Amino acid sequence: MSYFIESGYVSLNKKGEELCGDRVEIIRNENDTTIVLADGLGSGVKANILATLTSKILCNLAANNVPIEECVKTIIGTLPVCKVRNVAYATFTLLHMDNDGKGSLVEFDNPQAILLRDGKCLDLNRVENTILGKTIYITNLQLIPGDVVIFTSDGVVHAGIGQFLNFGWQREEIKKYIEANFEDGMSPICIAALVGDACKTLYADEPGDDTTIAALKIKKEVVVDMMVGAPIDKNDDDEVVEAFLRDNSTKIVCGGTTSQIVARYLNTDVKTNLDFIDPEVPPTGMIRGIDLTTEGVITLRKLLELAKKYMDNMDVSPKSFHKKDGASRLADILFEQATHINFFVGRSINKAHEGLPIDTAMKLKIIERLADKMERLGKVVTVNYY
């Protein structure tokens, strides 16, 4: 059975550095996903260049189905060794996973990865290999829906040294922290931010090392259909709503006029929730048979703001959405839950917007930007215009 693979990461720069010495490269293909976390020696520009070269070369090789051992030989043979410390100029973790949950994890001098399954952190069955004189750990994986593989740079285990912890953040303590704070359904980027926020605290907001947390999750497909705006031709209303409601998926309706069209088709009415949970976001509505009903452009603008923060890999503040306003509920469904998103976009001019700084072009631009962001998150997106 084919599943869906999600991935994400967050990073903290070492104090005083503009560039991160860690680098994450992700390549998503139709049938598999490859993610590499490389940690360049030292910090700053030099470390960033070394990590970038390592992650890009390794990720491209693995994504093109070059055998894992050949990938590792290529990168080890390419990277120089520091003459002073006698260590490689970059360490790495490589995870290559197909949509059936089968894959390989390769670790070279990075902290040992963690498997999160059913809310419990487990060790992986790593096999030690020697390639070109270097010790490499390879794990063959068979993941099941809900499994998350978490891997980090050594900035995570160094967190707190000389401040809150004598010997840094030990692996067993990291596992306990994840188990205590994990919530069912969390996305990879949400889990990464959870660990990243703890590291930031342990470093007292002054990281002594570049710190990166990456995660990959396998899950069942979750399809979301989202209707925004009325069709240009009113005679097409029923046809568009019929197409929108055709599949058994999560249904979202955005906009007052759109809500009325859908409610009329369903032979029901729109009930408005008059509680302004967030003064910046209009109230939500309720239509029987629809999972979420919101106001249009203002709510979608707020959603774009949430998306920008959510996708900022240097922002380790909590990524989960517990608020009940329309934008937060939309964000939870689209960012955290959905794997496939189908937009049904009407292009009619809304007379209610006459005299307001809102027009059809603006609405279409918002949807275009939102679709682009969802694709960058790895979602499968289709946009249908009417």
Protein backbone atom coordinates (compact mmCIF):
# COMPACT_ATOMS: atom_id res chain seq x y z
CA MET A 1 0.00 0.00 0.00
CA SER A 2 1.28 3.46 -0.92
CA TYR A 3 1.49 6.12 1.78
CA PHE A 4 2.47 9.78 1.94
CA ILE A 5 5.83 11.05 3.19
CA GLU A 6 6.19 14.37 5.01
CA SER A 7 9.43 16.01 6.09
CA GLY A 8 10.58 19.21 7.72
CA TYR A 9 13.30 20.81 9.80
CA VAL A 10 14.34 23.81 11.92
CA SER A 11 17.77 25.30 12.62
CA LEU A 12 19.42 27.63 15.10
CA ASN A 13 22.54 29.55 14.10
CA LYS A 14 25.49 29.61 16.44
CA LYS A 15 25.55 32.88 18.38
CA GLY A 16 27.08 35.66 16.30
CA GLU A 17 26.88 33.81 12.99
CA GLU A 18 24.70 34.96 10.08
CA LEU A 19 24.92 31.61 8.30
CA CYS A 20 24.15 28.18 9.71
CA GLY A 21 26.90 25.57 9.54
CA ASP A 22 24.23 22.87 9.18
CA ARG A 23 22.31 22.30 5.99
CA VAL A 24 19.23 20.23 5.15
CA GLU A 25 18.47 19.22 1.57
CA ILE A 26 15.16 17.57 0.63
CA ILE A 27 14.18 16.09 -2.73
CA ARG A 28 10.63 14.81 -3.16
CA ASN A 29 9.88 12.60 -6.14
CA GLU A 30 6.66 10.89 -7.11
CA ASN A 31 7.61 7.60 -5.47
CA ASP A 32 10.17 8.52 -2.80
CA THR A 33 11.68 11.22 -0.62
CA THR A 34 15.34 11.87 0.16
CA ILE A 35 16.50 14.07 3.02
CA VAL A 36 20.08 14.84 4.06
CA LEU A 37 21.25 16.73 7.14
CA ALA A 38 24.91 17.77 6.84
CA ASP A 39 26.96 19.43 9.58
CA GLY A 40 29.99 21.38 8.36
CA LEU A 41 33.11 21.52 10.51
CA GLY A 42 33.25 24.65 12.63
CA SER A 43 30.75 27.42 11.99
CA GLY A 44 30.01 30.38 9.76
CA VAL A 45 30.64 30.69 6.03
CA LYS A 46 33.14 27.82 5.71
CA ALA A 47 30.93 25.37 7.58
CA ASN A 48 27.91 26.48 5.57
CA ILE A 49 29.70 25.88 2.26
CA LEU A 50 30.92 22.43 3.34
CA ALA A 51 27.48 21.42 4.61
CA THR A 52 25.80 22.73 1.47
CA LEU A 53 28.12 20.81 -0.85
CA THR A 54 27.73 17.62 1.19
CA SER A 55 23.94 17.77 1.43
CA LYS A 56 23.36 18.65 -2.23
CA ILE A 57 25.73 16.05 -3.68
CA LEU A 58 24.54 13.28 -1.40
CA CYS A 59 20.85 14.09 -1.74
CA ASN A 60 20.97 14.25 -5.53
CA LEU A 61 22.83 10.96 -5.78
CA ALA A 62 20.43 9.11 -3.48
CA ALA A 63 17.36 10.70 -5.08
CA ASN A 64 18.54 9.37 -8.44
CA ASN A 65 18.67 5.86 -6.97
CA VAL A 66 22.46 5.55 -6.90
CA PRO A 67 23.16 2.65 -4.48
CA ILE A 68 23.61 3.87 -0.92
CA GLU A 69 27.17 2.56 -0.59
CA GLU A 70 28.18 4.30 -3.82
CA CYS A 71 26.66 7.55 -2.54
CA VAL A 72 28.67 7.30 0.66
CA LYS A 73 31.89 6.38 -1.20
CA THR A 74 31.45 9.37 -3.49
CA ILE A 75 30.94 11.88 -0.70
CA ILE A 76 33.69 10.48 1.57
CA GLY A 77 36.08 10.32 -1.33
CA THR A 78 35.23 13.90 -2.30
CA LEU A 79 35.36 15.59 1.10
CA PRO A 80 38.79 16.52 2.45
CA VAL A 81 39.92 15.69 5.98
CA CYS A 82 41.01 18.33 8.47
CA LYS A 83 44.79 17.87 8.90
CA VAL A 84 44.74 19.32 12.42
CA ARG A 85 41.84 17.35 13.90
CA ASN A 86 41.97 14.38 11.51
CA VAL A 87 38.19 14.48 11.12
CA ALA A 88 35.97 14.91 8.07
CA TYR A 89 35.03 18.42 7.07
CA ALA A 90 31.34 17.48 7.22
CA THR A 91 29.23 14.82 8.90
CA PHE A 92 25.84 13.73 7.61
CA THR A 93 22.64 11.78 8.04
CA LEU A 94 20.87 10.49 4.92
CA LEU A 95 17.36 9.09 4.81
CA HIS A 96 15.92 7.70 1.58
CA MET A 97 12.32 6.47 1.86
CA ASP A 98 9.79 5.21 -0.70
CA ASN A 99 6.02 5.60 -0.48
CA ASP A 100 5.62 2.05 0.82
CA GLY A 101 7.55 2.95 3.97
CA LYS A 102 10.68 1.09 2.92
CA GLY A 103 14.00 2.90 3.06
CA SER A 104 17.57 3.30 4.26
CA LEU A 105 19.08 5.49 6.95
CA VAL A 106 22.80 6.26 6.72
CA GLU A 107 24.63 7.99 9.58
CA PHE A 108 28.16 9.36 9.58
CA ASP A 109 29.31 10.99 12.83
CA ASN A 110 25.98 12.71 13.52
CA PRO A 111 23.99 11.88 16.68
CA GLN A 112 22.04 8.64 16.45
CA ALA A 113 18.58 9.02 14.93
CA ILE A 114 15.41 8.26 16.89
CA LEU A 115 12.32 6.37 15.74
CA LEU A 116 9.10 7.75 17.22
CA ARG A 117 6.34 5.13 17.08
CA ASP A 118 3.00 5.28 18.91
CA GLY A 119 4.34 8.11 21.08
CA LYS A 120 7.41 6.15 22.20
CA CYS A 121 11.01 6.86 21.19
CA LEU A 122 12.90 3.78 20.03
CA ASP A 123 16.48 3.04 19.02
CA LEU A 124 17.13 1.80 15.50
CA ASN A 125 18.80 -1.46 14.57
CA ARG A 126 21.94 0.09 13.12
CA VAL A 127 24.56 -2.00 11.33
CA GLU A 128 28.15 -0.80 11.45
CA ASN A 129 29.96 -0.62 8.10
CA THR A 130 33.44 0.53 7.10
CA ILE A 131 33.60 2.48 3.85
CA LEU A 132 36.91 3.97 2.72
CA GLY A 133 38.18 3.66 6.26
CA LYS A 134 35.22 5.51 7.80
CA THR A 135 32.66 4.03 10.16
CA ILE A 136 29.18 4.35 8.70
CA TYR A 137 25.96 3.11 10.31
CA ILE A 138 23.25 1.86 7.97
CA THR A 139 19.71 0.97 9.01
CA ASN A 140 17.17 -0.69 6.74
CA LEU A 141 13.74 0.65 7.61
CA GLN A 142 10.18 -0.50 7.16
CA LEU A 143 7.97 2.24 8.56
CA ILE A 144 4.26 2.13 9.26
CA PRO A 145 1.76 5.04 9.21
CA GLY A 146 2.40 7.42 12.08
CA ASP A 147 6.11 6.59 12.36
CA VAL A 148 8.53 9.52 12.60
CA VAL A 149 12.31 9.39 12.18
CA ILE A 150 14.05 12.27 13.99
CA PHE A 151 17.70 13.15 13.39
CA THR A 152 19.86 16.06 14.46
CA SER A 153 23.21 17.78 14.29
CA ASP A 154 25.41 17.64 17.39
CA GLY A 155 24.25 21.09 18.45
CA VAL A 156 21.27 19.33 20.04
CA VAL A 157 23.32 17.08 22.31
CA HIS A 158 25.61 20.02 23.16
CA ALA A 159 22.68 22.17 24.30
CA GLY A 160 23.03 23.35 27.88
CA ILE A 161 26.72 22.55 28.34
CA GLY A 162 28.22 25.00 30.83
CA GLN A 163 24.83 26.56 31.47
CA PHE A 164 21.98 24.32 32.62
CA LEU A 165 23.60 20.92 32.06
CA ASN A 166 27.11 19.67 32.80
CA PHE A 167 27.33 17.20 29.94
CA GLY A 168 24.81 18.58 27.45
CA TRP A 169 21.37 17.21 26.62
CA GLN A 170 21.79 13.45 26.85
CA ARG A 171 20.09 11.19 24.34
CA GLU A 172 17.86 9.48 26.90
CA GLU A 173 16.68 12.86 28.17
CA ILE A 174 15.92 14.00 24.63
CA LYS A 175 13.80 10.89 24.10
CA LYS A 176 11.91 11.48 27.36
CA TYR A 177 11.27 15.10 26.41
CA ILE A 178 9.85 14.12 23.01
CA GLU A 179 7.60 11.47 24.56
CA ALA A 180 6.32 13.89 27.21
CA ASN A 181 5.48 16.67 24.74
CA PHE A 182 4.50 14.81 21.56
CA GLU A 183 0.87 15.11 20.47
CA ASP A 184 -0.79 12.63 18.15
CA GLY A 185 -0.89 13.91 14.57
CA MET A 186 2.04 16.32 14.88
CA SER A 187 3.75 17.04 11.58
CA PRO A 188 7.54 16.59 11.17
CA ILE A 189 8.20 20.33 11.23
CA CYS A 190 6.09 20.65 14.37
CA ILE A 191 8.12 17.91 16.09
CA ALA A 192 11.39 19.48 14.93
CA ALA A 193 10.33 22.85 16.34
CA LEU A 194 9.38 21.18 19.62
CA VAL A 195 12.95 19.93 20.07
CA GLY A 196 14.45 23.12 18.66
CA ASP A 197 12.58 25.30 21.14
CA ALA A 198 13.94 23.20 24.02
CA CYS A 199 17.48 23.57 22.65
CA LYS A 200 17.05 27.33 22.42
CA THR A 201 16.01 27.41 26.07
CA LEU A 202 18.93 25.22 27.16
CA TYR A 203 21.30 27.55 25.30
CA ALA A 204 19.65 30.54 27.05
CA ASP A 205 18.90 31.97 23.59
CA GLU A 206 22.62 32.04 22.78
CA PRO A 207 23.42 28.79 20.91
CA GLY A 208 27.01 27.67 21.35
CA ASP A 209 26.77 25.56 18.21
CA ASP A 210 24.73 25.35 15.02
CA THR A 211 21.70 23.26 15.90
CA THR A 212 19.41 21.47 13.45
CA ILE A 213 16.56 19.03 13.91
CA ALA A 214 15.02 17.23 10.92
CA ALA A 215 12.18 14.74 10.82
CA LEU A 216 10.41 12.50 8.33
CA LYS A 217 6.95 11.03 8.85
CA ILE A 218 4.95 8.45 6.95
CA LYS A 219 1.17 8.77 6.99
CA LYS A 220 -2.00 7.83 5.17
CA GLU A 221 -3.32 10.28 2.61
CA VAL A 222 -5.60 13.05 3.87
CA VAL A 223 -7.44 14.86 1.05
CA VAL A 224 -8.85 18.34 1.65
CA ASP A 225 -11.19 20.13 -0.79
CA MET A 226 -11.44 23.89 -0.36
CA MET A 227 -13.96 26.09 -2.18
CA VAL A 228 -13.25 29.83 -2.36
CA GLY A 229 -15.44 32.27 -4.26
CA ALA A 230 -18.40 31.94 -6.60
CA PRO A 231 -18.14 30.87 -10.28
CA ILE A 232 -18.22 33.60 -12.92
CA ASP A 233 -21.42 32.14 -14.39
CA LYS A 234 -24.15 31.66 -11.76
CA ASN A 235 -25.55 28.85 -13.90
CA ASP A 236 -22.43 26.86 -12.99
CA ASP A 237 -23.01 27.10 -9.21
CA ASP A 238 -24.61 23.68 -8.76
CA GLU A 239 -22.15 21.96 -11.08
CA VAL A 240 -19.15 23.37 -9.20
CA VAL A 241 -20.59 22.50 -5.78
CA GLU A 242 -21.38 19.01 -7.00
CA ALA A 243 -17.76 18.57 -8.09
CA PHE A 244 -16.56 20.04 -4.79
CA LEU A 245 -18.67 17.59 -2.76
CA ARG A 246 -18.08 14.55 -4.94
CA ASP A 247 -15.35 12.82 -2.95
CA ASN A 248 -15.39 11.68 0.66
CA SER A 249 -12.79 14.16 1.92
CA THR A 250 -12.44 17.06 4.34
CA LYS A 251 -14.52 20.00 3.08
CA ILE A 252 -13.74 23.68 3.65
CA VAL A 253 -15.76 26.64 2.40
CA CYS A 254 -14.35 30.18 2.47
CA GLY A 255 -16.38 33.32 1.87
CA GLY A 256 -19.90 34.55 2.58
CA THR A 257 -21.29 34.23 -0.94
CA THR A 258 -19.60 30.86 -1.40
CA SER A 259 -21.15 29.63 1.85
CA GLN A 260 -24.63 30.65 0.68
CA ILE A 261 -24.15 28.80 -2.63
CA VAL A 262 -23.05 25.60 -0.89
CA ALA A 263 -25.77 25.81 1.77
CA ARG A 264 -28.45 26.30 -0.90
CA TYR A 265 -27.22 23.24 -2.79
CA LEU A 266 -27.34 21.19 0.44
CA ASN A 267 -30.82 22.53 1.21
CA THR A 268 -29.69 23.99 4.52
CA ASP A 269 -28.56 27.35 5.87
CA VAL A 270 -25.42 29.00 7.19
CA LYS A 271 -25.21 29.52 10.91
CA THR A 272 -22.74 32.14 12.09
CA ASN A 273 -20.64 31.81 15.21
CA LEU A 274 -20.66 35.32 16.66
CA ASP A 275 -17.77 34.71 19.05
CA PHE A 276 -14.77 36.75 17.94
CA ILE A 277 -12.12 34.39 19.31
CA ASP A 278 -9.46 36.57 17.66
CA PRO A 279 -10.36 40.23 16.99
CA GLU A 280 -8.21 40.15 13.84
CA VAL A 281 -10.08 37.20 12.32
CA PRO A 282 -13.80 37.21 11.39
CA PRO A 283 -16.04 34.59 13.03
CA THR A 284 -16.50 31.16 11.48
CA GLY A 285 -19.78 29.72 10.26
CA MET A 286 -21.42 26.31 10.20
CA ILE A 287 -23.00 24.42 7.30
CA ARG A 288 -24.35 20.94 7.89
CA GLY A 289 -22.10 18.49 6.01
CA ILE A 290 -19.15 20.91 5.76
CA ASP A 291 -16.14 20.49 8.07
CA LEU A 292 -15.15 24.17 8.26
CA THR A 293 -16.78 27.38 7.05
CA THR A 294 -14.90 30.68 7.26
CA GLU A 295 -14.97 34.23 5.99
CA GLY A 296 -12.98 34.85 2.82
CA VAL A 297 -10.16 37.26 2.04
CA ILE A 298 -9.40 38.60 5.54
CA THR A 299 -9.16 35.08 6.98
CA LEU A 300 -7.02 33.89 4.06
CA ARG A 301 -4.67 36.84 4.53
CA LYS A 302 -4.22 35.82 8.16
CA LEU A 303 -3.65 32.25 7.00
CA LEU A 304 -0.78 33.43 4.79
CA GLU A 305 0.79 35.16 7.80
CA LEU A 306 0.58 31.91 9.76
CA ALA A 307 2.08 30.02 6.81
CA LYS A 308 5.07 32.37 6.66
CA LYS A 309 5.84 31.78 10.34
CA TYR A 310 5.16 28.04 10.08
CA MET A 311 7.57 27.66 7.16
CA ASP A 312 10.36 29.76 8.67
CA ASN A 313 13.05 27.15 9.35
CA MET A 314 14.85 29.55 11.70
CA ASP A 315 11.75 29.98 13.87
CA VAL A 316 11.53 27.27 16.55
CA SER A 317 8.46 28.61 18.33
CA PRO A 318 5.59 26.09 18.57
CA LYS A 319 4.18 25.24 15.13
CA SER A 320 0.97 23.56 16.31
CA PHE A 321 -2.38 25.37 16.13
CA HIS A 322 -4.64 25.15 19.15
CA LYS A 323 -6.62 28.38 18.71
CA LYS A 324 -10.21 28.12 17.46
CA ASP A 325 -10.37 31.16 15.16
CA GLY A 326 -10.95 30.51 11.46
CA ALA A 327 -7.37 31.11 10.32
CA SER A 328 -5.88 28.84 12.99
CA ARG A 329 -8.35 26.07 12.24
CA LEU A 330 -7.56 26.40 8.53
CA ALA A 331 -3.84 26.26 9.29
CA ASP A 332 -4.22 23.11 11.36
CA ILE A 333 -6.11 21.32 8.59
CA LEU A 334 -3.95 22.50 5.68
CA PHE A 335 -0.49 22.58 7.28
CA GLU A 336 -0.66 19.77 9.83
CA GLN A 337 -3.24 17.30 8.51
CA ALA A 338 -3.60 17.51 4.73
CA THR A 339 -1.46 15.60 2.24
CA HIS A 340 -3.50 16.51 -0.87
CA ILE A 341 -5.30 19.86 -1.32
CA ASN A 342 -7.77 20.65 -4.10
CA PHE A 343 -8.76 24.30 -4.50
CA PHE A 344 -12.08 25.14 -6.17
CA VAL A 345 -11.71 28.84 -6.97
CA GLY A 346 -14.52 31.05 -8.25
CA ARG A 347 -13.58 34.17 -10.21
CA SER A 348 -16.79 36.18 -10.01
CA ILE A 349 -16.73 39.77 -8.77
CA ASN A 350 -18.22 40.10 -5.30
CA LYS A 351 -20.54 43.13 -5.18
CA ALA A 352 -20.16 43.21 -1.39
CA HIS A 353 -16.54 44.28 -1.92
CA GLU A 354 -17.37 47.39 -3.94
CA GLY A 355 -15.60 50.39 -2.40
CA LEU A 356 -13.29 48.13 -0.35
CA PRO A 357 -9.59 47.41 -1.01
CA ILE A 358 -10.56 43.84 -1.93
CA ASP A 359 -10.99 42.58 -5.47
CA THR A 360 -11.02 39.32 -7.40
CA ALA A 361 -7.39 39.73 -8.49
CA MET A 362 -6.35 39.99 -4.84
CA LYS A 363 -8.28 36.84 -3.92
CA LEU A 364 -6.73 34.91 -6.80
CA LYS A 365 -3.27 36.13 -5.81
CA ILE A 366 -3.81 34.93 -2.25
CA ILE A 367 -4.85 31.48 -3.47
CA GLU A 368 -1.86 31.36 -5.81
CA ARG A 369 0.53 32.20 -2.96
CA LEU A 370 -1.16 29.74 -0.63
CA ALA A 371 -0.97 26.94 -3.21
CA ASP A 372 2.72 27.69 -3.76
CA LYS A 373 3.42 27.48 -0.03
CA MET A 374 1.54 24.20 0.28
CA GLU A 375 3.57 22.72 -2.58
CA ARG A 376 6.78 23.87 -0.89
CA LEU A 377 5.63 21.98 2.20
CA GLY A 378 5.42 18.86 0.03
CA LYS A 379 1.63 18.75 -0.36
CA VAL A 380 0.05 17.59 -3.62
CA VAL A 381 -1.94 20.62 -4.82
CA THR A 382 -4.45 21.17 -7.62
CA VAL A 383 -6.17 24.47 -8.38
CA ASN A 384 -9.43 24.51 -10.38
CA TYR A 385 -10.80 27.87 -11.60
CA TYR A 386 -14.47 28.51 -12.43
